Amino acid sequence: MKRGILIFSLVLFQMVLAHSVIAGEAMPKPKSNNPEAQALLDQALEVLKQEYTIPNLDQAISLLEKANQLDPNNHDILVELADKNWQKGDLLPEKTDADFKARKAYFEKGLKYAEQALKIKESAGAHYWFAANLGSSYEHASILSQAKIFPSLKKNCDWIQTRNPEYFYGGAARIWSKVVSKVPDIVLKMVGEDPNQVFGWLEDAIKTEPRYLLNYVYKGQFCWRMGKKDDALSALDYALKQDPSIFTEEVAKNKLALRKAQEMWKEFTGKEYPAR
């Protein structure tokens, strides 16, 4: 048993490390041969060009669902729906049982879209959003249930690493840093995961694309979970001092990162940034 866990951990280490070292590619623009569906796709992306908010995501999801009706079984549309449903779930509050249920509903919906996309064509986007929605949908599951999904998470991220390792600015590193930040220590021990290795993967992702500010937010969350409070606040402080337009292709995501960083700062310190 111990030997199996060790092998799994080593494979996972090699997979995610290789991914995060050269992660610098954005998600490709979705395409449809149906002009009406393409117009809806373009509108959905335009809605989210400057701000990632729940109202904007609702509008984008509505447009994407209409595009999906016009052009069913379009892999790109399904990946976008998997992505945007995860984004919506992730922005919802997470304080009460009702909150957790609402979040999970979006993650499960996103997971279904990713599964549909994978049946049509395997791609980095389909595998990534499958893993992201799967992991998030088990945030508040039992310890045993959380441990059981690790092989599936690894399998999907491994596909990305072997075929498209540049995908999404260190996406795999963010997935694993969030997993480590959320699950109990006993789960990490059950699957043989080393938090120090995950920290290294996230650092490599930041070095590869330092303009993508969400990586610093994930680093802040991860460091706080590991008890490295000064490092956590330093990561958030760095992000909060940046202009979101530092990365013109990802202004909306960088604005989202700054909002999350401010919320996280207050959660960690009990004060508004920059007070400690």
Protein backbone atom coordinates (compact mmCIF):
# COMPACT_ATOMS: atom_id res chain seq x y z
CA MET A 1 0.00 0.00 0.00
CA LYS A 2 2.76 2.44 0.95
CA ARG A 3 4.66 1.60 -2.23
CA GLY A 4 1.55 2.30 -4.34
CA ILE A 5 1.00 5.66 -2.65
CA LEU A 6 4.66 6.56 -3.17
CA ILE A 7 4.50 5.72 -6.88
CA PHE A 8 1.29 7.72 -7.27
CA SER A 9 2.82 10.70 -5.49
CA LEU A 10 5.98 10.62 -7.61
CA VAL A 11 4.03 10.40 -10.85
CA LEU A 12 1.81 13.27 -9.72
CA PHE A 13 4.87 15.32 -8.79
CA GLN A 14 6.48 14.82 -12.20
CA MET A 15 3.24 15.53 -14.02
CA VAL A 16 2.31 18.79 -12.33
CA LEU A 17 5.87 20.08 -12.10
CA ALA A 18 6.38 19.63 -15.82
CA HIS A 19 3.08 21.37 -16.49
CA SER A 20 3.64 24.36 -14.27
CA VAL A 21 7.19 25.07 -15.46
CA ILE A 22 6.04 25.89 -18.98
CA ALA A 23 2.48 27.03 -18.41
CA GLY A 24 1.89 30.17 -20.39
CA GLU A 25 -0.90 29.59 -22.89
CA ALA A 26 -4.33 31.14 -22.64
CA MET A 27 -7.50 29.27 -23.48
CA PRO A 28 -8.14 29.31 -27.23
CA LYS A 29 -11.07 31.30 -28.58
CA PRO A 30 -14.15 29.08 -29.08
CA LYS A 31 -15.43 28.61 -32.63
CA SER A 32 -18.66 27.55 -34.29
CA ASN A 33 -19.53 26.98 -37.94
CA ASN A 34 -23.00 28.30 -37.18
CA PRO A 35 -22.87 32.12 -37.66
CA GLU A 36 -25.64 32.75 -35.12
CA ALA A 37 -23.96 30.55 -32.54
CA GLN A 38 -20.60 32.23 -33.20
CA ALA A 39 -22.19 35.63 -32.66
CA LEU A 40 -23.53 34.46 -29.30
CA LEU A 41 -20.12 33.05 -28.37
CA ASP A 42 -18.49 36.38 -29.19
CA GLN A 43 -21.10 38.24 -27.14
CA ALA A 44 -20.51 35.97 -24.16
CA LEU A 45 -16.77 36.61 -24.28
CA GLU A 46 -17.32 40.35 -24.69
CA VAL A 47 -19.55 40.44 -21.60
CA LEU A 48 -16.67 39.04 -19.55
CA LYS A 49 -13.90 41.02 -21.21
CA GLN A 50 -13.64 43.65 -18.48
CA GLU A 51 -15.37 42.22 -15.39
CA TYR A 52 -15.97 38.76 -13.93
CA THR A 53 -19.07 39.25 -11.79
CA ILE A 54 -22.07 37.05 -11.03
CA PRO A 55 -24.45 39.17 -13.18
CA ASN A 56 -22.00 39.10 -16.09
CA LEU A 57 -21.51 35.37 -15.70
CA ASP A 58 -25.27 34.84 -15.66
CA GLN A 59 -25.53 36.77 -18.91
CA ALA A 60 -22.62 34.91 -20.47
CA ILE A 61 -24.00 31.51 -19.44
CA SER A 62 -27.39 32.42 -20.92
CA LEU A 63 -25.75 33.38 -24.22
CA LEU A 64 -23.68 30.20 -24.26
CA GLU A 65 -26.72 28.04 -23.57
CA LYS A 66 -28.46 29.64 -26.56
CA ALA A 67 -25.37 28.97 -28.67
CA ASN A 68 -25.42 25.37 -27.48
CA GLN A 69 -29.02 25.02 -28.66
CA LEU A 70 -28.12 26.39 -32.09
CA ASP A 71 -24.97 24.31 -32.41
CA PRO A 72 -25.35 21.20 -30.22
CA ASN A 73 -22.39 18.89 -29.69
CA ASN A 74 -19.95 21.72 -30.32
CA HIS A 75 -16.90 20.93 -28.23
CA ASP A 76 -15.82 24.56 -27.82
CA ILE A 77 -19.23 25.72 -26.59
CA LEU A 78 -19.40 22.88 -24.07
CA VAL A 79 -15.93 23.76 -22.73
CA GLU A 80 -17.00 27.39 -22.33
CA LEU A 81 -20.10 26.28 -20.43
CA ALA A 82 -17.98 24.05 -18.19
CA ASP A 83 -15.67 27.00 -17.56
CA LYS A 84 -18.33 29.63 -16.88
CA ASN A 85 -20.41 27.39 -14.62
CA TRP A 86 -17.30 26.75 -12.52
CA GLN A 87 -16.62 30.49 -12.42
CA LYS A 88 -20.18 31.18 -11.26
CA GLY A 89 -20.02 28.53 -8.55
CA ASP A 90 -16.65 29.78 -7.36
CA LEU A 91 -17.95 33.35 -6.96
CA LEU A 92 -20.94 32.33 -4.86
CA PRO A 93 -20.66 32.69 -1.06
CA GLU A 94 -19.59 29.68 0.97
CA LYS A 95 -20.76 30.21 4.54
CA THR A 96 -23.92 28.15 5.02
CA ASP A 97 -25.13 24.73 3.95
CA ALA A 98 -27.39 26.45 1.45
CA ASP A 99 -24.36 28.25 0.02
CA PHE A 100 -22.45 24.99 -0.35
CA LYS A 101 -25.42 23.38 -2.07
CA ALA A 102 -25.76 26.27 -4.53
CA ARG A 103 -22.05 26.21 -5.35
CA LYS A 104 -22.05 22.46 -5.86
CA ALA A 105 -24.99 22.69 -8.26
CA TYR A 106 -22.93 24.87 -10.60
CA PHE A 107 -19.84 22.70 -10.28
CA GLU A 108 -21.85 19.59 -11.09
CA LYS A 109 -23.43 21.33 -14.07
CA GLY A 110 -19.98 22.37 -15.27
CA LEU A 111 -18.76 18.81 -14.80
CA LYS A 112 -21.53 17.48 -17.04
CA TYR A 113 -20.63 19.94 -19.77
CA ALA A 114 -16.97 18.92 -19.51
CA GLU A 115 -17.94 15.26 -19.74
CA GLN A 116 -19.95 15.99 -22.88
CA ALA A 117 -17.01 17.86 -24.38
CA LEU A 118 -14.67 14.96 -23.64
CA LYS A 119 -16.96 12.53 -25.43
CA ILE A 120 -16.71 14.67 -28.55
CA LYS A 121 -12.99 15.48 -28.38
CA GLU A 122 -10.25 15.28 -25.81
CA SER A 123 -8.63 18.66 -25.27
CA ALA A 124 -6.75 20.54 -22.58
CA GLY A 125 -9.83 22.68 -21.94
CA ALA A 126 -12.19 19.74 -21.53
CA HIS A 127 -9.78 17.90 -19.23
CA TYR A 128 -8.97 21.03 -17.23
CA TRP A 129 -12.57 22.02 -16.53
CA PHE A 130 -13.48 18.43 -15.79
CA ALA A 131 -10.79 18.39 -13.10
CA ALA A 132 -11.67 21.84 -11.77
CA ASN A 133 -15.39 21.10 -11.48
CA LEU A 134 -14.80 17.63 -10.06
CA GLY A 135 -12.44 18.90 -7.38
CA SER A 136 -14.68 21.81 -6.40
CA SER A 137 -17.82 19.66 -6.27
CA TYR A 138 -16.15 17.55 -3.57
CA GLU A 139 -15.00 20.48 -1.42
CA HIS A 140 -17.32 19.52 1.44
CA ALA A 141 -17.58 15.78 0.84
CA SER A 142 -16.40 13.12 3.27
CA ILE A 143 -12.70 12.47 3.70
CA LEU A 144 -12.97 9.10 1.95
CA SER A 145 -14.85 10.62 -0.98
CA GLN A 146 -12.25 13.35 -1.38
CA ALA A 147 -9.43 10.80 -1.40
CA LYS A 148 -11.19 8.68 -4.03
CA ILE A 149 -11.28 11.47 -6.62
CA PHE A 150 -7.52 12.10 -6.55
CA PRO A 151 -6.75 9.48 -9.25
CA SER A 152 -9.33 11.04 -11.56
CA LEU A 153 -7.91 14.53 -10.97
CA LYS A 154 -4.45 13.21 -11.72
CA LYS A 155 -5.57 11.41 -14.87
CA ASN A 156 -7.13 14.53 -16.38
CA CYS A 157 -4.20 16.79 -15.50
CA ASP A 158 -1.79 14.17 -16.82
CA TRP A 159 -3.50 14.34 -20.21
CA ILE A 160 -2.87 18.11 -20.32
CA GLN A 161 0.78 17.74 -19.38
CA THR A 162 1.58 15.15 -22.04
CA ARG A 163 -0.23 16.91 -24.89
CA ASN A 164 -0.54 20.62 -24.12
CA PRO A 165 1.65 21.52 -21.13
CA GLU A 166 1.46 25.28 -21.80
CA TYR A 167 -2.24 25.45 -21.04
CA PHE A 168 -3.73 28.31 -19.00
CA TYR A 169 -0.89 30.00 -17.08
CA GLY A 170 -0.17 27.18 -14.64
CA GLY A 171 -3.71 25.86 -14.35
CA ALA A 172 -2.69 22.50 -12.93
CA ALA A 173 -0.63 24.18 -10.23
CA ARG A 174 -3.66 26.24 -9.22
CA ILE A 175 -5.90 23.17 -9.11
CA TRP A 176 -3.54 21.34 -6.79
CA SER A 177 -2.81 24.33 -4.59
CA LYS A 178 -6.55 24.81 -4.08
CA VAL A 179 -7.04 21.12 -3.36
CA VAL A 180 -4.31 21.22 -0.73
CA SER A 181 -5.77 24.42 0.73
CA LYS A 182 -9.24 22.94 1.05
CA VAL A 183 -8.90 19.29 2.06
CA PRO A 184 -8.02 18.06 5.58
CA ASP A 185 -4.46 16.99 6.36
CA ILE A 186 -5.56 13.37 6.67
CA VAL A 187 -6.62 13.32 3.00
CA LEU A 188 -3.21 14.59 1.93
CA LYS A 189 -1.57 11.85 3.96
CA MET A 190 -3.88 9.19 2.50
CA VAL A 191 -2.82 10.02 -1.06
CA GLY A 192 0.81 10.77 -0.21
CA GLU A 193 0.68 14.42 -1.26
CA ASP A 194 3.50 16.75 -0.16
CA PRO A 195 2.39 20.38 0.29
CA ASN A 196 5.97 21.59 -0.17
CA GLN A 197 6.01 20.17 -3.69
CA VAL A 198 2.72 21.88 -4.51
CA PHE A 199 4.21 25.18 -3.35
CA GLY A 200 7.09 24.69 -5.77
CA TRP A 201 4.72 24.06 -8.67
CA LEU A 202 2.82 27.25 -7.92
CA GLU A 203 6.05 29.24 -7.70
CA ASP A 204 7.09 27.91 -11.10
CA ALA A 205 3.75 28.96 -12.59
CA ILE A 206 4.23 32.48 -11.23
CA LYS A 207 7.73 32.72 -12.66
CA THR A 208 6.48 31.58 -16.05
CA GLU A 209 3.65 34.15 -16.28
CA PRO A 210 4.06 36.77 -13.53
CA ARG A 211 1.34 39.01 -14.99
CA TYR A 212 -1.49 36.57 -14.23
CA LEU A 213 -2.49 37.81 -10.78
CA LEU A 214 -4.78 34.93 -9.78
CA ASN A 215 -1.66 32.82 -9.25
CA TYR A 216 -0.64 35.13 -6.38
CA VAL A 217 -4.10 34.80 -4.83
CA TYR A 218 -3.85 31.03 -4.93
CA LYS A 219 -0.37 31.30 -3.43
CA GLY A 220 -1.75 33.46 -0.63
CA GLN A 221 -4.50 30.95 0.12
CA PHE A 222 -2.05 28.07 0.03
CA CYS A 223 0.56 29.72 2.26
CA TRP A 224 -2.05 30.70 4.84
CA ARG A 225 -3.29 27.10 4.95
CA MET A 226 0.27 25.93 5.52
CA GLY A 227 0.76 28.40 8.38
CA LYS A 228 3.10 30.67 6.42
CA LYS A 229 1.18 33.82 7.22
CA ASP A 230 3.83 36.37 6.28
CA ASP A 231 4.32 34.70 2.89
CA ALA A 232 0.55 34.62 2.36
CA LEU A 233 0.17 38.34 3.03
CA SER A 234 3.22 39.16 0.92
CA ALA A 235 1.70 37.34 -2.07
CA LEU A 236 -1.61 39.16 -1.65
CA ASP A 237 0.16 42.47 -1.12
CA TYR A 238 2.11 42.05 -4.34
CA ALA A 239 -1.04 41.32 -6.33
CA LEU A 240 -2.93 44.24 -4.80
CA LYS A 241 -0.19 46.67 -5.81
CA GLN A 242 -0.49 45.72 -9.49
CA ASP A 243 -2.52 47.38 -12.22
CA PRO A 244 -4.88 44.76 -13.73
CA SER A 245 -4.00 46.01 -17.21
CA ILE A 246 -0.48 44.67 -16.69
CA PHE A 247 -1.79 41.71 -18.68
CA THR A 248 -4.00 43.17 -21.39
CA GLU A 249 -5.36 39.79 -22.51
CA GLU A 250 -6.56 38.98 -18.99
CA VAL A 251 -7.74 42.30 -17.54
CA ALA A 252 -11.03 40.82 -16.29
CA LYS A 253 -9.30 37.90 -14.56
CA ASN A 254 -6.79 40.28 -12.99
CA LYS A 255 -9.61 42.48 -11.68
CA LEU A 256 -11.21 39.36 -10.25
CA ALA A 257 -7.87 38.47 -8.66
CA LEU A 258 -7.70 41.88 -6.97
CA ARG A 259 -11.22 41.50 -5.56
CA LYS A 260 -10.40 38.05 -4.26
CA ALA A 261 -7.12 39.28 -2.81
CA GLN A 262 -8.90 42.07 -0.91
CA GLU A 263 -11.50 39.64 0.44
CA MET A 264 -8.81 37.18 1.44
CA TRP A 265 -6.76 39.92 3.11
CA LYS A 266 -9.72 40.90 5.28
CA GLU A 267 -10.48 37.27 6.07
CA PHE A 268 -6.90 36.63 7.15
CA THR A 269 -6.20 39.87 9.04
CA GLY A 270 -9.66 41.05 10.06
CA LYS A 271 -8.76 44.43 8.52
CA GLU A 272 -9.09 46.24 5.24
CA TYR A 273 -6.00 46.24 3.03
CA PRO A 274 -3.30 47.41 3.64
CA ALA A 275 -3.76 47.38 7.43
CA ARG A 276 -2.47 44.33 9.28
